[in-house]
Amino acid sequence: MSGLRVWVDGIGLAGPGLASWAASLDVLRGTQAHATAATVLPPPARLPPAERRRAGAAVKLALAIADEAVAQAQLDPATLATVFTSSSGEGTNCHALCETLATPTPMVSPTRFTNSVHNAASGCWHIAVGSRAASTSLCAFDGSFGAGLIEAATSVVLGRAPQLLVASDSPYPEPLHATRPLPDHFGLALVLAPAPGPRSIAALTITLIGADEAVTRCADPALDELRRVIPAAAALPLLLALAREGRPSRVVLGYLAGSHLQIDLA
């Protein structure tokens, strides 16, 4: 794959000990120690009260980081096409559906089903912001962030318009958690643009490479553990580089079997 070149105009972040992009900059720059704390999921303020009450953790996480990225980019969210990527999706509602289906009277709630599908977060976002722009929801297991980044960057380059990328993962309840253990919620959002603008943070050149080159690790052991155990947190080396305000650097992220993503920042 030849390099895809895009600009980052906005960033959103939420994870253990990382309350937001703005609140986490000192940690990401290495000037403040990372203190592990449970991820805080704020209520999705954009949703009407009824939908807000029904929103699960995956929706809350995705909308919070999307809001922060769009606010930083100072763009109208209703105009942005989106890519939502997650290795886990809405596990809580899927678990509840499985429990219901295992009872003698398996009457599934339509609302519960609506909120269980993999594109629940993207649907809630587009409804909340009144957007009719295109939206893609995808999953590529541990390579989900990389797949989402390639999809969004390709769309930006071909469509010549900004796009919102949202990558997030939330833990499953038991017994699914024992099979697919994710220790906490983690999510990031990037507003990607086809050309530099007044709020651009860095230019990214994204290239698919073989798996011979070592994946970039985080110097902080706690952050590197997050990178290793939560698929969306595979983006942490990129976030660390972006926190240095786009100084030229190169990171290599794990992707699918036999391939990595090389990202050059300028």
C-alpha atoms as a PDB file:
ATOM      1  CA  MET A   1       0.000   0.000   0.000  1.00  0.00           C
ATOM      2  CA  SER A   2       1.438   3.400  -0.944  1.00  0.00           C
ATOM      3  CA  GLY A   3       1.412   6.007   1.792  1.00  0.00           C
ATOM      4  CA  LEU A   4      -1.826   7.799   2.669  1.00  0.00           C
ATOM      5  CA  ARG A   5      -1.203  11.405   3.767  1.00  0.00           C
ATOM      6  CA  VAL A   6      -3.743  13.146   6.017  1.00  0.00           C
ATOM      7  CA  TRP A   7      -3.717  15.850   8.684  1.00  0.00           C
ATOM      8  CA  VAL A   8      -4.976  15.532  12.270  1.00  0.00           C
ATOM      9  CA  ASP A   9      -7.209  18.475  13.218  1.00  0.00           C
ATOM     10  CA  GLY A  10      -8.775  17.166  16.426  1.00  0.00           C
ATOM     11  CA  ILE A  11      -8.222  14.461  19.038  1.00  0.00           C
ATOM     12  CA  GLY A  12     -10.441  12.889  21.693  1.00  0.00           C
ATOM     13  CA  LEU A  13      -9.257  10.439  24.344  1.00  0.00           C
ATOM     14  CA  ALA A  14     -10.620   8.459  27.292  1.00  0.00           C
ATOM     15  CA  GLY A  15      -9.002   5.579  29.134  1.00  0.00           C
ATOM     16  CA  PRO A  16      -7.683   4.411  32.494  1.00  0.00           C
ATOM     17  CA  GLY A  17      -6.069   7.451  34.100  1.00  0.00           C
ATOM     18  CA  LEU A  18      -6.593   9.413  30.857  1.00  0.00           C
ATOM     19  CA  ALA A  19      -9.693  11.538  31.379  1.00  0.00           C
ATOM     20  CA  SER A  20      -9.467  13.380  28.041  1.00  0.00           C
ATOM     21  CA  TRP A  21      -6.903  14.429  25.450  1.00  0.00           C
ATOM     22  CA  ALA A  22      -6.470  17.866  27.025  1.00  0.00           C
ATOM     23  CA  ALA A  23      -6.214  16.464  30.558  1.00  0.00           C
ATOM     24  CA  SER A  24      -3.708  13.770  29.517  1.00  0.00           C
ATOM     25  CA  LEU A  25      -1.129  15.832  27.639  1.00  0.00           C
ATOM     26  CA  ASP A  26       1.347  16.010  30.544  1.00  0.00           C
ATOM     27  CA  VAL A  27       1.171  12.227  30.965  1.00  0.00           C
ATOM     28  CA  LEU A  28       1.583  11.606  27.249  1.00  0.00           C
ATOM     29  CA  ARG A  29       4.536  14.014  27.079  1.00  0.00           C
ATOM     30  CA  GLY A  30       6.200  12.238  29.990  1.00  0.00           C
ATOM     31  CA  THR A  31       6.226  15.256  32.312  1.00  0.00           C
ATOM     32  CA  GLN A  32       3.704  13.675  34.686  1.00  0.00           C
ATOM     33  CA  ALA A  33       3.479  10.080  35.881  1.00  0.00           C
ATOM     34  CA  HIS A  34       0.531   8.037  34.682  1.00  0.00           C
ATOM     35  CA  ALA A  35      -1.756   7.179  37.595  1.00  0.00           C
ATOM     36  CA  THR A  36      -4.032   4.250  36.817  1.00  0.00           C
ATOM     37  CA  ALA A  37      -7.693   4.934  37.582  1.00  0.00           C
ATOM     38  CA  ALA A  38     -10.923   3.515  36.185  1.00  0.00           C
ATOM     39  CA  THR A  39     -12.097   5.139  32.961  1.00  0.00           C
ATOM     40  CA  VAL A  40     -14.817   7.724  33.596  1.00  0.00           C
ATOM     41  CA  LEU A  41     -17.717   7.598  31.123  1.00  0.00           C
ATOM     42  CA  PRO A  42     -19.699  10.862  31.108  1.00  0.00           C
ATOM     43  CA  PRO A  43     -23.394  10.832  30.166  1.00  0.00           C
ATOM     44  CA  PRO A  44     -23.817  11.468  26.422  1.00  0.00           C
ATOM     45  CA  ALA A  45     -25.096  15.039  26.671  1.00  0.00           C
ATOM     46  CA  ARG A  46     -26.014  15.229  22.976  1.00  0.00           C
ATOM     47  CA  LEU A  47     -28.652  12.492  23.276  1.00  0.00           C
ATOM     48  CA  PRO A  48     -32.247  13.209  24.368  1.00  0.00           C
ATOM     49  CA  PRO A  49     -32.997  12.128  27.988  1.00  0.00           C
ATOM     50  CA  ALA A  50     -34.676   8.828  27.065  1.00  0.00           C
ATOM     51  CA  GLU A  51     -31.849   7.721  24.768  1.00  0.00           C
ATOM     52  CA  ARG A  52     -29.303   8.982  27.289  1.00  0.00           C
ATOM     53  CA  ARG A  53     -30.715   6.653  29.946  1.00  0.00           C
ATOM     54  CA  ARG A  54     -30.590   3.661  27.590  1.00  0.00           C
ATOM     55  CA  ALA A  55     -27.063   4.339  26.351  1.00  0.00           C
ATOM     56  CA  GLY A  56     -24.607   1.622  27.302  1.00  0.00           C
ATOM     57  CA  ALA A  57     -20.933   2.034  28.121  1.00  0.00           C
ATOM     58  CA  ALA A  58     -19.800   1.607  24.514  1.00  0.00           C
ATOM     59  CA  VAL A  59     -22.065   4.444  23.326  1.00  0.00           C
ATOM     60  CA  LYS A  60     -21.053   6.737  26.189  1.00  0.00           C
ATOM     61  CA  LEU A  61     -17.377   6.166  25.468  1.00  0.00           C
ATOM     62  CA  ALA A  62     -17.645   6.695  21.715  1.00  0.00           C
ATOM     63  CA  LEU A  63     -19.730   9.863  21.974  1.00  0.00           C
ATOM     64  CA  ALA A  64     -17.456  11.413  24.614  1.00  0.00           C
ATOM     65  CA  ILE A  65     -14.293  11.066  22.551  1.00  0.00           C
ATOM     66  CA  ALA A  66     -16.034  12.077  19.320  1.00  0.00           C
ATOM     67  CA  ASP A  67     -17.308  15.237  21.012  1.00  0.00           C
ATOM     68  CA  GLU A  68     -13.834  16.205  22.206  1.00  0.00           C
ATOM     69  CA  ALA A  69     -12.213  15.673  18.802  1.00  0.00           C
ATOM     70  CA  VAL A  70     -14.868  17.634  16.904  1.00  0.00           C
ATOM     71  CA  ALA A  71     -14.768  20.485  19.428  1.00  0.00           C
ATOM     72  CA  GLN A  72     -10.989  20.779  19.042  1.00  0.00           C
ATOM     73  CA  ALA A  73     -11.264  20.761  15.252  1.00  0.00           C
ATOM     74  CA  GLN A  74     -14.061  23.364  15.435  1.00  0.00           C
ATOM     75  CA  LEU A  75     -16.099  21.640  12.740  1.00  0.00           C
ATOM     76  CA  ASP A  76     -19.831  21.088  12.441  1.00  0.00           C
ATOM     77  CA  PRO A  77     -20.285  17.398  13.352  1.00  0.00           C
ATOM     78  CA  ALA A  78     -23.362  17.169  11.122  1.00  0.00           C
ATOM     79  CA  THR A  79     -21.104  17.573   8.073  1.00  0.00           C
ATOM     80  CA  LEU A  80     -18.589  14.838   8.928  1.00  0.00           C
ATOM     81  CA  ALA A  81     -18.622  11.343   7.509  1.00  0.00           C
ATOM     82  CA  THR A  82     -17.485   8.856  10.138  1.00  0.00           C
ATOM     83  CA  VAL A  83     -15.656   5.583  10.678  1.00  0.00           C
ATOM     84  CA  PHE A  84     -16.372   3.770  13.955  1.00  0.00           C
ATOM     85  CA  THR A  85     -14.123   0.831  14.739  1.00  0.00           C
ATOM     86  CA  SER A  86     -14.177  -1.546  17.702  1.00  0.00           C
ATOM     87  CA  SER A  87     -12.982  -5.048  18.449  1.00  0.00           C
ATOM     88  CA  SER A  88     -15.693  -5.504  21.081  1.00  0.00           C
ATOM     89  CA  GLY A  89     -18.738  -3.370  20.286  1.00  0.00           C
ATOM     90  CA  GLU A  90     -21.696  -3.361  22.671  1.00  0.00           C
ATOM     91  CA  GLY A  91     -21.019  -6.425  24.818  1.00  0.00           C
ATOM     92  CA  THR A  92     -23.330  -5.553  27.706  1.00  0.00           C
ATOM     93  CA  ASN A  93     -26.495  -5.591  25.634  1.00  0.00           C
ATOM     94  CA  CYS A  94     -25.368  -8.685  23.714  1.00  0.00           C
ATOM     95  CA  HIS A  95     -24.854 -10.446  27.055  1.00  0.00           C
ATOM     96  CA  ALA A  96     -28.340  -9.424  28.221  1.00  0.00           C
ATOM     97  CA  LEU A  97     -29.865 -10.732  24.967  1.00  0.00           C
ATOM     98  CA  CYS A  98     -28.089 -14.069  25.390  1.00  0.00           C
ATOM     99  CA  GLU A  99     -29.427 -14.349  28.947  1.00  0.00           C
ATOM    100  CA  THR A 100     -32.957 -13.618  27.722  1.00  0.00           C
ATOM    101  CA  LEU A 101     -32.711 -16.164  24.910  1.00  0.00           C
ATOM    102  CA  ALA A 102     -31.682 -18.820  27.452  1.00  0.00           C
ATOM    103  CA  THR A 103     -34.903 -18.413  29.474  1.00  0.00           C
ATOM    104  CA  PRO A 104     -38.142 -20.403  28.974  1.00  0.00           C
ATOM    105  CA  THR A 105     -39.792 -17.220  27.601  1.00  0.00           C
ATOM    106  CA  PRO A 106     -37.176 -15.638  25.314  1.00  0.00           C
ATOM    107  CA  MET A 107     -38.908 -12.313  24.648  1.00  0.00           C
ATOM    108  CA  VAL A 108     -36.238  -9.930  23.374  1.00  0.00           C
ATOM    109  CA  SER A 109     -36.660  -6.206  23.945  1.00  0.00           C
ATOM    110  CA  PRO A 110     -36.569  -4.274  20.626  1.00  0.00           C
ATOM    111  CA  THR A 111     -34.771  -1.425  22.396  1.00  0.00           C
ATOM    112  CA  ARG A 112     -32.205  -3.828  23.821  1.00  0.00           C
ATOM    113  CA  PHE A 113     -31.648  -5.302  20.357  1.00  0.00           C
ATOM    114  CA  THR A 114     -31.279  -1.850  18.767  1.00  0.00           C
ATOM    115  CA  ASN A 115     -28.553  -0.986  21.247  1.00  0.00           C
ATOM    116  CA  SER A 116     -26.742  -4.318  20.856  1.00  0.00           C
ATOM    117  CA  VAL A 117     -25.668  -4.067  17.220  1.00  0.00           C
ATOM    118  CA  HIS A 118     -22.097  -3.198  16.251  1.00  0.00           C
ATOM    119  CA  ASN A 119     -23.080   0.159  14.753  1.00  0.00           C
ATOM    120  CA  ALA A 120     -25.071   1.296  17.804  1.00  0.00           C
ATOM    121  CA  ALA A 121     -22.486   3.956  18.688  1.00  0.00           C
ATOM    122  CA  SER A 122     -22.336   5.383  15.157  1.00  0.00           C
ATOM    123  CA  GLY A 123     -26.134   5.414  14.938  1.00  0.00           C
ATOM    124  CA  CYS A 124     -26.429   7.304  18.223  1.00  0.00           C
ATOM    125  CA  TRP A 125     -23.775   9.815  17.142  1.00  0.00           C
ATOM    126  CA  HIS A 126     -25.370  10.570  13.772  1.00  0.00           C
ATOM    127  CA  ILE A 127     -28.825  10.901  15.341  1.00  0.00           C
ATOM    128  CA  ALA A 128     -27.484  13.140  18.098  1.00  0.00           C
ATOM    129  CA  VAL A 129     -25.712  15.549  15.731  1.00  0.00           C
ATOM    130  CA  GLY A 130     -28.359  15.388  12.995  1.00  0.00           C
ATOM    131  CA  SER A 131     -25.934  14.001  10.420  1.00  0.00           C
ATOM    132  CA  ARG A 132     -26.893  12.314   7.146  1.00  0.00           C
ATOM    133  CA  ALA A 133     -23.244  11.887   6.157  1.00  0.00           C
ATOM    134  CA  ALA A 134     -21.855   8.456   5.340  1.00  0.00           C
ATOM    135  CA  SER A 135     -20.842   6.190   8.204  1.00  0.00           C
ATOM    136  CA  THR A 136     -18.868   2.943   8.332  1.00  0.00           C
ATOM    137  CA  SER A 137     -18.675   0.607  11.350  1.00  0.00           C
ATOM    138  CA  LEU A 138     -16.064  -2.125  11.271  1.00  0.00           C
ATOM    139  CA  CYS A 139     -14.240  -4.715  13.337  1.00  0.00           C
ATOM    140  CA  ALA A 140     -10.906  -6.443  12.700  1.00  0.00           C
ATOM    141  CA  PHE A 141     -10.285  -8.091  16.087  1.00  0.00           C
ATOM    142  CA  ASP A 142      -6.938  -6.873  17.516  1.00  0.00           C
ATOM    143  CA  GLY A 143      -6.272  -4.903  14.312  1.00  0.00           C
ATOM    144  CA  SER A 144      -9.441  -2.822  14.601  1.00  0.00           C
ATOM    145  CA  PHE A 145      -7.714   0.536  15.151  1.00  0.00           C
ATOM    146  CA  GLY A 146      -5.424  -0.014  12.166  1.00  0.00           C
ATOM    147  CA  ALA A 147      -8.338  -1.058   9.965  1.00  0.00           C
ATOM    148  CA  GLY A 148     -10.308   2.013  10.998  1.00  0.00           C
ATOM    149  CA  LEU A 149      -7.343   4.317  10.371  1.00  0.00           C
ATOM    150  CA  ILE A 150      -6.798   2.908   6.876  1.00  0.00           C
ATOM    151  CA  GLU A 151     -10.522   3.170   6.060  1.00  0.00           C
ATOM    152  CA  ALA A 152     -10.832   6.751   7.294  1.00  0.00           C
ATOM    153  CA  ALA A 153      -7.577   7.959   5.719  1.00  0.00           C
ATOM    154  CA  THR A 154      -8.476   6.376   2.374  1.00  0.00           C
ATOM    155  CA  SER A 155     -11.871   8.092   2.421  1.00  0.00           C
ATOM    156  CA  VAL A 156     -10.277  11.443   3.271  1.00  0.00           C
ATOM    157  CA  VAL A 157      -7.734  11.169   0.454  1.00  0.00           C
ATOM    158  CA  LEU A 158     -10.283  10.065  -2.140  1.00  0.00           C
ATOM    159  CA  GLY A 159     -13.163  12.286  -1.004  1.00  0.00           C
ATOM    160  CA  ARG A 160     -11.050  15.377  -0.246  1.00  0.00           C
ATOM    161  CA  ALA A 161     -13.135  16.112   2.844  1.00  0.00           C
ATOM    162  CA  PRO A 162     -12.547  15.842   6.615  1.00  0.00           C
ATOM    163  CA  GLN A 163     -13.712  12.710   8.387  1.00  0.00           C
ATOM    164  CA  LEU A 164     -14.140  11.579  11.988  1.00  0.00           C
ATOM    165  CA  LEU A 165     -12.500   8.330  13.131  1.00  0.00           C
ATOM    166  CA  VAL A 166     -13.692   6.825  16.437  1.00  0.00           C
ATOM    167  CA  ALA A 167     -11.902   3.758  17.855  1.00  0.00           C
ATOM    168  CA  SER A 168     -13.070   2.294  21.153  1.00  0.00           C
ATOM    169  CA  ASP A 169     -13.281  -0.878  23.207  1.00  0.00           C
ATOM    170  CA  SER A 170     -15.284  -1.750  26.312  1.00  0.00           C
ATOM    171  CA  PRO A 171     -15.053  -4.854  28.534  1.00  0.00           C
ATOM    172  CA  TYR A 172     -17.460  -7.748  28.155  1.00  0.00           C
ATOM    173  CA  PRO A 173     -19.446  -9.046  31.155  1.00  0.00           C
ATOM    174  CA  GLU A 174     -18.767 -12.590  32.348  1.00  0.00           C
ATOM    175  CA  PRO A 175     -18.678 -15.259  31.017  1.00  0.00           C
ATOM    176  CA  LEU A 176     -17.558 -13.505  27.796  1.00  0.00           C
ATOM    177  CA  HIS A 177     -14.916 -11.571  29.732  1.00  0.00           C
ATOM    178  CA  ALA A 178     -13.092 -14.790  30.649  1.00  0.00           C
ATOM    179  CA  THR A 179     -12.729 -15.592  26.951  1.00  0.00           C
ATOM    180  CA  ARG A 180     -11.939 -12.053  25.776  1.00  0.00           C
ATOM    181  CA  PRO A 181     -10.545 -10.149  28.814  1.00  0.00           C
ATOM    182  CA  LEU A 182     -10.415  -6.383  28.359  1.00  0.00           C
ATOM    183  CA  PRO A 183      -9.475  -4.702  31.661  1.00  0.00           C
ATOM    184  CA  ASP A 184     -11.174  -1.327  31.098  1.00  0.00           C
ATOM    185  CA  HIS A 185     -12.684   1.064  28.562  1.00  0.00           C
ATOM    186  CA  PHE A 186     -10.375   2.846  26.117  1.00  0.00           C
ATOM    187  CA  GLY A 187     -11.170   5.072  23.177  1.00  0.00           C
ATOM    188  CA  LEU A 188      -9.707   7.717  20.915  1.00  0.00           C
ATOM    189  CA  ALA A 189     -11.122   9.871  18.146  1.00  0.00           C
ATOM    190  CA  LEU A 190      -9.294  11.686  15.358  1.00  0.00           C
ATOM    191  CA  VAL A 191     -10.611  14.311  12.972  1.00  0.00           C
ATOM    192  CA  LEU A 192      -8.627  13.715   9.771  1.00  0.00           C
ATOM    193  CA  ALA A 193      -8.396  16.293   6.990  1.00  0.00           C
ATOM    194  CA  PRO A 194      -7.086  16.166   3.387  1.00  0.00           C
ATOM    195  CA  ALA A 195      -5.011  19.363   3.718  1.00  0.00           C
ATOM    196  CA  PRO A 196      -3.425  21.416   6.497  1.00  0.00           C
ATOM    197  CA  GLY A 197      -5.582  23.976   8.240  1.00  0.00           C
ATOM    198  CA  PRO A 198      -5.305  26.493  11.092  1.00  0.00           C
ATOM    199  CA  ARG A 199      -5.916  23.804  13.737  1.00  0.00           C
ATOM    200  CA  SER A 200      -3.831  21.006  12.234  1.00  0.00           C
ATOM    201  CA  ILE A 201      -1.677  19.220  14.808  1.00  0.00           C
ATOM    202  CA  ALA A 202       0.413  17.025  12.507  1.00  0.00           C
ATOM    203  CA  ALA A 203       0.538  15.390   9.109  1.00  0.00           C
ATOM    204  CA  LEU A 204       0.390  11.596   9.036  1.00  0.00           C
ATOM    205  CA  THR A 205       1.719   9.398   6.248  1.00  0.00           C
ATOM    206  CA  ILE A 206       0.312   5.901   6.765  1.00  0.00           C
ATOM    207  CA  THR A 207       1.946   2.931   5.062  1.00  0.00           C
ATOM    208  CA  LEU A 208       1.171  -0.782   5.282  1.00  0.00           C
ATOM    209  CA  ILE A 209       4.424  -2.694   5.811  1.00  0.00           C
ATOM    210  CA  GLY A 210       5.522  -6.215   6.667  1.00  0.00           C
ATOM    211  CA  ALA A 211       5.847  -7.465  10.218  1.00  0.00           C
ATOM    212  CA  ASP A 212       9.668  -7.503  10.222  1.00  0.00           C
ATOM    213  CA  GLU A 213      10.030  -4.107  11.899  1.00  0.00           C
ATOM    214  CA  ALA A 214       9.386  -4.021  15.652  1.00  0.00           C
ATOM    215  CA  VAL A 215       6.198  -2.403  16.931  1.00  0.00           C
ATOM    216  CA  THR A 216       6.763   0.893  18.767  1.00  0.00           C
ATOM    217  CA  ARG A 217       6.355   0.558  22.526  1.00  0.00           C
ATOM    218  CA  CYS A 218       5.484   3.146  25.183  1.00  0.00           C
ATOM    219  CA  ALA A 219       8.276   4.144  27.550  1.00  0.00           C
ATOM    220  CA  ASP A 220       5.846   4.242  30.489  1.00  0.00           C
ATOM    221  CA  PRO A 221       5.236   0.609  31.578  1.00  0.00           C
ATOM    222  CA  ALA A 222       1.613   1.296  32.568  1.00  0.00           C
ATOM    223  CA  LEU A 223       0.789   2.855  29.198  1.00  0.00           C
ATOM    224  CA  ASP A 224       2.580   0.052  27.390  1.00  0.00           C
ATOM    225  CA  GLU A 225       0.490  -2.501  29.264  1.00  0.00           C
ATOM    226  CA  LEU A 226      -2.658  -0.716  28.062  1.00  0.00           C
ATOM    227  CA  ARG A 227      -1.255  -0.781  24.520  1.00  0.00           C
ATOM    228  CA  ARG A 228      -0.768  -4.503  24.807  1.00  0.00           C
ATOM    229  CA  VAL A 229      -4.095  -5.580  26.354  1.00  0.00           C
ATOM    230  CA  ILE A 230      -6.756  -3.271  24.820  1.00  0.00           C
ATOM    231  CA  PRO A 231      -6.983  -3.263  21.007  1.00  0.00           C
ATOM    232  CA  ALA A 232      -7.993   0.409  20.712  1.00  0.00           C
ATOM    233  CA  ALA A 233      -5.009   1.337  22.899  1.00  0.00           C
ATOM    234  CA  ALA A 234      -2.691   0.030  20.166  1.00  0.00           C
ATOM    235  CA  ALA A 235      -2.861   3.677  19.055  1.00  0.00           C
ATOM    236  CA  LEU A 236      -1.021   4.910  22.169  1.00  0.00           C
ATOM    237  CA  PRO A 237       2.401   5.255  20.460  1.00  0.00           C
ATOM    238  CA  LEU A 238       0.718   7.472  17.850  1.00  0.00           C
ATOM    239  CA  LEU A 239      -0.950   9.535  20.592  1.00  0.00           C
ATOM    240  CA  LEU A 240       2.403   9.939  22.365  1.00  0.00           C
ATOM    241  CA  ALA A 241       3.909  11.250  19.135  1.00  0.00           C
ATOM    242  CA  LEU A 242       0.971  13.606  18.534  1.00  0.00           C
ATOM    243  CA  ALA A 243       1.281  14.949  22.090  1.00  0.00           C
ATOM    244  CA  ARG A 244       4.753  16.174  21.132  1.00  0.00           C
ATOM    245  CA  GLU A 245       2.934  18.580  18.799  1.00  0.00           C
ATOM    246  CA  GLY A 246       3.798  16.863  15.577  1.00  0.00           C
ATOM    247  CA  ARG A 247       7.578  16.896  15.848  1.00  0.00           C
ATOM    248  CA  PRO A 248       8.923  14.631  13.077  1.00  0.00           C
ATOM    249  CA  SER A 249       8.849  11.013  14.177  1.00  0.00           C
ATOM    250  CA  ARG A 250       7.919   7.522  13.080  1.00  0.00           C
ATOM    251  CA  VAL A 251       5.804   4.925  14.874  1.00  0.00           C
ATOM    252  CA  VAL A 252       5.018   1.354  13.919  1.00  0.00           C
ATOM    253  CA  LEU A 253       1.712  -0.111  15.097  1.00  0.00           C
ATOM    254  CA  GLY A 254       0.678  -3.744  15.115  1.00  0.00           C
ATOM    255  CA  TYR A 255      -2.010  -4.621  12.588  1.00  0.00           C
ATOM    256  CA  LEU A 256      -3.146  -7.958  11.170  1.00  0.00           C
ATOM    257  CA  ALA A 257      -1.047 -11.122  11.033  1.00  0.00           C
ATOM    258  CA  GLY A 258       2.035 -10.555   8.891  1.00  0.00           C
ATOM    259  CA  SER A 259       1.622  -6.774   8.592  1.00  0.00           C
ATOM    260  CA  HIS A 260       2.191  -3.564  10.537  1.00  0.00           C
ATOM    261  CA  LEU A 261       1.313   0.074   9.998  1.00  0.00           C
ATOM    262  CA  GLN A 262       4.123   2.593   9.688  1.00  0.00           C
ATOM    263  CA  ILE A 263       3.068   6.160  10.473  1.00  0.00           C
ATOM    264  CA  ASP A 264       5.391   9.089   9.746  1.00  0.00           C
ATOM    265  CA  LEU A 265       4.525  12.339  11.504  1.00  0.00           C
ATOM    266  CA  ALA A 266       5.557  15.761  10.240  1.00  0.00           C
END
